[in-house]
Every structure is written in structure tokens, then in C-alpha cells.
N, C-alpha and C. Protein backbone atom coordinates (compact mmCIF):
# COMPACT_ATOMS: atom_id res chain seq x y z
N MET A 1 -45.37 -8.41 -231.67
CA MET A 1 -46.45 -9.35 -231.44
C MET A 1 -45.99 -10.74 -231.88
N SER A 2 -46.35 -11.75 -231.10
CA SER A 2 -45.94 -13.13 -231.38
C SER A 2 -47.09 -13.92 -231.95
N ASP A 3 -46.75 -14.82 -232.85
CA ASP A 3 -47.74 -15.72 -233.43
C ASP A 3 -47.35 -17.14 -233.07
N SER A 4 -48.32 -17.90 -232.57
CA SER A 4 -48.10 -19.31 -232.27
C SER A 4 -48.73 -20.11 -233.41
N VAL A 5 -47.92 -20.99 -234.03
CA VAL A 5 -48.35 -21.71 -235.22
C VAL A 5 -48.34 -23.21 -234.93
N ALA A 6 -49.43 -23.89 -235.26
CA ALA A 6 -49.47 -25.35 -235.16
C ALA A 6 -48.65 -25.92 -236.30
N VAL A 7 -47.68 -26.79 -235.98
CA VAL A 7 -46.76 -27.29 -237.00
C VAL A 7 -46.83 -28.79 -237.22
N ALA A 8 -47.33 -29.54 -236.24
CA ALA A 8 -47.38 -31.00 -236.37
C ALA A 8 -48.15 -31.58 -235.19
N HIS A 9 -48.49 -32.84 -235.31
CA HIS A 9 -49.02 -33.58 -234.17
C HIS A 9 -47.83 -34.30 -233.53
N ILE A 10 -47.80 -34.35 -232.22
CA ILE A 10 -46.67 -34.94 -231.52
C ILE A 10 -46.40 -36.37 -231.99
N SER A 11 -47.43 -37.11 -232.37
CA SER A 11 -47.25 -38.49 -232.81
C SER A 11 -46.53 -38.60 -234.15
N GLU A 12 -46.46 -37.50 -234.91
CA GLU A 12 -45.79 -37.49 -236.21
C GLU A 12 -44.28 -37.25 -236.10
N LEU A 13 -43.82 -36.83 -234.94
CA LEU A 13 -42.42 -36.43 -234.80
C LEU A 13 -41.52 -37.59 -234.40
N LYS A 14 -40.36 -37.67 -235.06
CA LYS A 14 -39.34 -38.65 -234.69
C LYS A 14 -38.74 -38.22 -233.36
N THR A 15 -38.34 -39.20 -232.56
CA THR A 15 -37.76 -38.88 -231.26
C THR A 15 -36.25 -39.14 -231.20
N ASP A 16 -35.69 -39.73 -232.26
CA ASP A 16 -34.26 -40.03 -232.25
C ASP A 16 -33.45 -39.09 -233.14
N SER A 17 -34.12 -38.16 -233.79
CA SER A 17 -33.45 -37.18 -234.64
C SER A 17 -34.36 -35.97 -234.78
N GLY A 18 -33.95 -35.03 -235.62
CA GLY A 18 -34.72 -33.81 -235.79
C GLY A 18 -35.86 -33.96 -236.77
N ASN A 19 -36.74 -33.00 -236.72
CA ASN A 19 -37.89 -32.90 -237.61
C ASN A 19 -37.90 -31.47 -238.14
N VAL A 20 -37.85 -31.29 -239.43
CA VAL A 20 -37.75 -29.95 -240.00
C VAL A 20 -39.11 -29.51 -240.52
N VAL A 21 -39.50 -28.31 -240.12
CA VAL A 21 -40.73 -27.69 -240.61
C VAL A 21 -40.37 -26.30 -241.13
N ILE A 22 -41.22 -25.78 -241.99
CA ILE A 22 -41.02 -24.42 -242.50
C ILE A 22 -42.15 -23.56 -241.96
N ILE A 23 -41.77 -22.49 -241.29
CA ILE A 23 -42.74 -21.57 -240.70
C ILE A 23 -42.38 -20.17 -241.16
N GLY A 24 -43.28 -19.52 -241.85
CA GLY A 24 -43.02 -18.16 -242.30
C GLY A 24 -41.75 -18.03 -243.11
N GLY A 25 -41.44 -19.05 -243.91
CA GLY A 25 -40.24 -19.03 -244.74
C GLY A 25 -38.97 -19.44 -244.02
N ARG A 26 -39.05 -19.75 -242.72
CA ARG A 26 -37.88 -20.16 -241.94
C ARG A 26 -37.88 -21.68 -241.76
N GLU A 27 -36.71 -22.29 -241.89
CA GLU A 27 -36.59 -23.71 -241.56
C GLU A 27 -36.31 -23.83 -240.07
N ILE A 28 -37.19 -24.55 -239.39
CA ILE A 28 -37.08 -24.76 -237.95
C ILE A 28 -36.91 -26.25 -237.71
N ALA A 29 -35.95 -26.61 -236.86
CA ALA A 29 -35.76 -28.00 -236.48
C ALA A 29 -36.43 -28.24 -235.14
N LEU A 30 -37.27 -29.27 -235.08
CA LEU A 30 -37.96 -29.65 -233.85
C LEU A 30 -37.30 -30.90 -233.30
N PHE A 31 -37.10 -30.92 -232.00
CA PHE A 31 -36.51 -32.07 -231.33
C PHE A 31 -37.38 -32.45 -230.13
N VAL A 32 -37.67 -33.73 -230.01
CA VAL A 32 -38.45 -34.24 -228.88
C VAL A 32 -37.48 -34.80 -227.85
N VAL A 33 -37.51 -34.21 -226.65
CA VAL A 33 -36.64 -34.64 -225.55
C VAL A 33 -37.49 -34.74 -224.29
N ASP A 34 -37.52 -35.93 -223.71
CA ASP A 34 -38.27 -36.15 -222.47
C ASP A 34 -39.72 -35.69 -222.57
N GLY A 35 -40.35 -35.93 -223.71
CA GLY A 35 -41.76 -35.59 -223.90
C GLY A 35 -42.02 -34.13 -224.22
N CYS A 36 -40.98 -33.31 -224.28
CA CYS A 36 -41.12 -31.89 -224.63
C CYS A 36 -40.57 -31.68 -226.04
N VAL A 37 -41.06 -30.63 -226.70
CA VAL A 37 -40.56 -30.30 -228.03
C VAL A 37 -39.78 -28.99 -227.95
N PHE A 38 -38.58 -29.02 -228.54
CA PHE A 38 -37.73 -27.84 -228.59
C PHE A 38 -37.56 -27.44 -230.04
N ALA A 39 -37.65 -26.14 -230.31
CA ALA A 39 -37.57 -25.62 -231.67
C ALA A 39 -36.36 -24.68 -231.78
N ILE A 40 -35.51 -24.96 -232.78
CA ILE A 40 -34.34 -24.11 -233.03
C ILE A 40 -34.18 -23.91 -234.53
N ASP A 41 -33.44 -22.86 -234.91
CA ASP A 41 -33.14 -22.68 -236.33
C ASP A 41 -32.49 -23.94 -236.87
N ASN A 42 -32.77 -24.25 -238.11
CA ASN A 42 -32.19 -25.44 -238.74
C ASN A 42 -30.83 -25.12 -239.34
N GLU A 43 -30.10 -24.20 -238.76
CA GLU A 43 -28.76 -23.84 -239.23
C GLU A 43 -27.80 -23.83 -238.07
N CYS A 44 -26.73 -24.59 -238.19
CA CYS A 44 -25.67 -24.56 -237.20
C CYS A 44 -25.01 -23.18 -237.25
N PRO A 45 -24.71 -22.59 -236.10
CA PRO A 45 -24.05 -21.28 -236.11
C PRO A 45 -22.64 -21.31 -236.67
N HIS A 46 -22.07 -22.47 -236.87
CA HIS A 46 -20.71 -22.58 -237.39
C HIS A 46 -20.67 -22.38 -238.90
N ARG A 47 -21.23 -23.32 -239.65
CA ARG A 47 -21.21 -23.25 -241.12
C ARG A 47 -22.57 -23.56 -241.72
N GLU A 48 -23.62 -23.24 -240.96
CA GLU A 48 -25.00 -23.36 -241.43
C GLU A 48 -25.41 -24.79 -241.80
N GLY A 49 -24.81 -25.77 -241.14
CA GLY A 49 -25.20 -27.16 -241.37
C GLY A 49 -26.63 -27.41 -240.93
N PRO A 50 -27.31 -28.37 -241.55
CA PRO A 50 -28.72 -28.65 -241.26
C PRO A 50 -28.88 -29.43 -239.95
N LEU A 51 -29.14 -28.73 -238.86
CA LEU A 51 -29.23 -29.38 -237.56
C LEU A 51 -30.31 -30.45 -237.50
N GLY A 52 -31.38 -30.27 -238.26
CA GLY A 52 -32.46 -31.26 -238.27
C GLY A 52 -32.03 -32.61 -238.80
N GLU A 53 -30.88 -32.67 -239.46
CA GLU A 53 -30.35 -33.94 -239.97
C GLU A 53 -29.28 -34.52 -239.05
N GLY A 54 -29.01 -33.83 -237.95
CA GLY A 54 -27.97 -34.28 -237.03
C GLY A 54 -28.44 -35.38 -236.11
N ASP A 55 -27.49 -36.05 -235.47
CA ASP A 55 -27.78 -37.09 -234.49
C ASP A 55 -28.14 -36.42 -233.17
N LEU A 56 -29.18 -36.95 -232.52
CA LEU A 56 -29.64 -36.42 -231.24
C LEU A 56 -29.32 -37.43 -230.15
N GLU A 57 -28.63 -36.95 -229.11
CA GLU A 57 -28.36 -37.79 -227.95
C GLU A 57 -28.67 -36.96 -226.72
N GLY A 58 -29.70 -37.36 -225.99
CA GLY A 58 -30.17 -36.54 -224.87
C GLY A 58 -30.72 -35.24 -225.43
N ASP A 59 -30.19 -34.12 -224.95
CA ASP A 59 -30.63 -32.83 -225.48
C ASP A 59 -29.55 -32.16 -226.34
N ILE A 60 -28.63 -32.97 -226.86
CA ILE A 60 -27.54 -32.46 -227.70
C ILE A 60 -27.68 -33.00 -229.12
N VAL A 61 -27.73 -32.08 -230.10
CA VAL A 61 -27.72 -32.49 -231.50
C VAL A 61 -26.33 -32.21 -232.05
N THR A 62 -25.83 -33.15 -232.85
CA THR A 62 -24.52 -33.00 -233.46
C THR A 62 -24.71 -32.62 -234.93
N CYS A 63 -24.15 -31.48 -235.31
CA CYS A 63 -24.28 -31.01 -236.69
C CYS A 63 -23.62 -32.02 -237.63
N PRO A 64 -24.30 -32.38 -238.73
CA PRO A 64 -23.73 -33.36 -239.65
C PRO A 64 -22.55 -32.83 -240.48
N PHE A 65 -22.34 -31.52 -240.51
CA PHE A 65 -21.24 -30.97 -241.30
C PHE A 65 -19.89 -31.09 -240.61
N HIS A 66 -19.77 -30.56 -239.38
CA HIS A 66 -18.47 -30.50 -238.71
C HIS A 66 -18.53 -30.96 -237.26
N ALA A 67 -19.60 -31.68 -236.91
CA ALA A 67 -19.76 -32.30 -235.59
C ALA A 67 -19.81 -31.31 -234.42
N TRP A 68 -20.24 -30.08 -234.68
CA TRP A 68 -20.46 -29.18 -233.57
C TRP A 68 -21.69 -29.65 -232.81
N GLU A 69 -21.63 -29.57 -231.49
CA GLU A 69 -22.73 -30.04 -230.63
C GLU A 69 -23.51 -28.84 -230.11
N ILE A 70 -24.84 -28.90 -230.27
CA ILE A 70 -25.71 -27.80 -229.85
C ILE A 70 -26.77 -28.34 -228.90
N ASN A 71 -26.98 -27.63 -227.80
CA ASN A 71 -28.02 -28.00 -226.86
C ASN A 71 -29.36 -27.51 -227.42
N VAL A 72 -30.29 -28.44 -227.67
CA VAL A 72 -31.56 -28.06 -228.29
C VAL A 72 -32.46 -27.30 -227.34
N ARG A 73 -32.22 -27.39 -226.04
CA ARG A 73 -33.03 -26.64 -225.07
C ARG A 73 -32.67 -25.14 -225.07
N THR A 74 -31.37 -24.85 -225.21
CA THR A 74 -30.89 -23.47 -225.07
C THR A 74 -30.36 -22.87 -226.37
N GLY A 75 -30.00 -23.73 -227.33
CA GLY A 75 -29.37 -23.26 -228.56
C GLY A 75 -27.87 -23.07 -228.45
N GLU A 76 -27.30 -23.23 -227.24
CA GLU A 76 -25.88 -22.99 -227.04
C GLU A 76 -25.02 -24.08 -227.68
N VAL A 77 -23.91 -23.64 -228.27
CA VAL A 77 -22.91 -24.57 -228.78
C VAL A 77 -22.12 -25.06 -227.56
N VAL A 78 -22.00 -26.38 -227.42
CA VAL A 78 -21.38 -26.96 -226.22
C VAL A 78 -19.99 -26.41 -225.96
N ASP A 79 -19.12 -26.39 -226.95
CA ASP A 79 -17.75 -25.93 -226.74
C ASP A 79 -17.57 -24.42 -226.85
N PHE A 80 -18.57 -23.73 -227.35
CA PHE A 80 -18.51 -22.27 -227.52
C PHE A 80 -19.85 -21.68 -227.09
N PRO A 81 -20.14 -21.63 -225.78
CA PRO A 81 -21.46 -21.22 -225.31
C PRO A 81 -21.87 -19.79 -225.71
N GLU A 82 -20.90 -18.99 -226.12
CA GLU A 82 -21.25 -17.64 -226.58
C GLU A 82 -21.89 -17.67 -227.97
N MET A 83 -21.76 -18.80 -228.66
CA MET A 83 -22.39 -18.97 -229.97
C MET A 83 -23.67 -19.78 -229.78
N CYS A 84 -24.74 -19.33 -230.41
CA CYS A 84 -26.02 -19.99 -230.21
C CYS A 84 -26.80 -20.08 -231.51
N ALA A 85 -27.59 -21.14 -231.61
CA ALA A 85 -28.63 -21.23 -232.63
C ALA A 85 -29.87 -20.58 -232.02
N ARG A 86 -30.63 -19.89 -232.81
CA ARG A 86 -31.83 -19.23 -232.30
C ARG A 86 -32.85 -20.28 -231.89
N THR A 87 -33.46 -20.08 -230.73
CA THR A 87 -34.50 -20.98 -230.25
C THR A 87 -35.85 -20.26 -230.32
N TYR A 88 -36.91 -21.07 -230.33
CA TYR A 88 -38.27 -20.54 -230.38
C TYR A 88 -39.10 -21.23 -229.31
N PRO A 89 -39.94 -20.48 -228.60
CA PRO A 89 -40.82 -21.12 -227.62
C PRO A 89 -41.74 -22.10 -228.33
N SER A 90 -41.94 -23.25 -227.70
CA SER A 90 -42.85 -24.24 -228.26
C SER A 90 -43.65 -24.87 -227.13
N ARG A 91 -44.78 -25.46 -227.50
CA ARG A 91 -45.63 -26.12 -226.51
C ARG A 91 -46.46 -27.18 -227.21
N ILE A 92 -47.00 -28.08 -226.41
CA ILE A 92 -47.89 -29.12 -226.90
C ILE A 92 -49.25 -28.90 -226.25
N ALA A 93 -50.29 -28.85 -227.05
CA ALA A 93 -51.66 -28.70 -226.55
C ALA A 93 -52.56 -29.65 -227.33
N ASP A 94 -53.22 -30.54 -226.61
CA ASP A 94 -54.11 -31.53 -227.24
C ASP A 94 -53.38 -32.31 -228.33
N GLY A 95 -52.11 -32.61 -228.12
CA GLY A 95 -51.34 -33.38 -229.08
C GLY A 95 -50.75 -32.57 -230.21
N GLN A 96 -51.17 -31.34 -230.37
CA GLN A 96 -50.62 -30.47 -231.42
C GLN A 96 -49.39 -29.73 -230.89
N VAL A 97 -48.39 -29.62 -231.76
CA VAL A 97 -47.17 -28.89 -231.42
C VAL A 97 -47.29 -27.49 -232.00
N PHE A 98 -47.09 -26.51 -231.14
CA PHE A 98 -47.13 -25.10 -231.53
C PHE A 98 -45.76 -24.48 -231.34
N VAL A 99 -45.35 -23.66 -232.31
CA VAL A 99 -44.10 -22.92 -232.22
C VAL A 99 -44.45 -21.45 -232.31
N GLU A 100 -43.81 -20.67 -231.45
CA GLU A 100 -44.08 -19.23 -231.41
C GLU A 100 -42.98 -18.47 -232.14
N LEU A 101 -43.38 -17.70 -233.13
CA LEU A 101 -42.45 -16.83 -233.83
C LEU A 101 -42.64 -15.42 -233.31
N SER A 102 -41.55 -14.68 -233.18
CA SER A 102 -41.69 -13.30 -232.69
C SER A 102 -41.06 -12.34 -233.67
């Protein structure tokens, strides 16, 4: 069973970098791209760097630890697509951002 949790208002989120929230004890990084919000684990699959602190360009966040690039839409590592950060379904309703945990 999945739970959808309200985590922020869209107006509270930065659009040039990540936004970290804690949901059910998990750190989730939120990224705003083209008016949509994407939610991924706040850990790089390489060395667990904090993706929410990385630089965002388009839909690619660069891990601040070792510069690995991750697509925030899919969670895939750009140079190693078989490696992924976990993604979570998210949506915006009436300005509220919801993230679905499963």
C-alpha cells in the first residue's frame, strides 16, 4: 500500500538546487524542473553523497562528493545507467507537493 505525503508548498522550493525533506525517516531530495517536482533518495549511488546539495542543471544533479551526474527524472547515473538513485512518484495539487512512499 502506498502513502502520499504532503511535504512542502511549491512556492517554498528552490528551483536552482535540491530541497531535502525527511519522510518516514528517509531523506528525500526534491528537484523542481520545468514546473514539475521530482523526488529521489538524497544519497548518490556511488558514495552516498548528499544529492540535495548538488548543482542542478536542467534535469541533471551533480553529486557534491565526486561529481557523479544523476538524472532527477529517472534516478539514472549518466555515465553508468545501470546504477540508479531510488525515485518516488510526486505530484503537485493546489500548490502542495506530495511524495508517494511505497
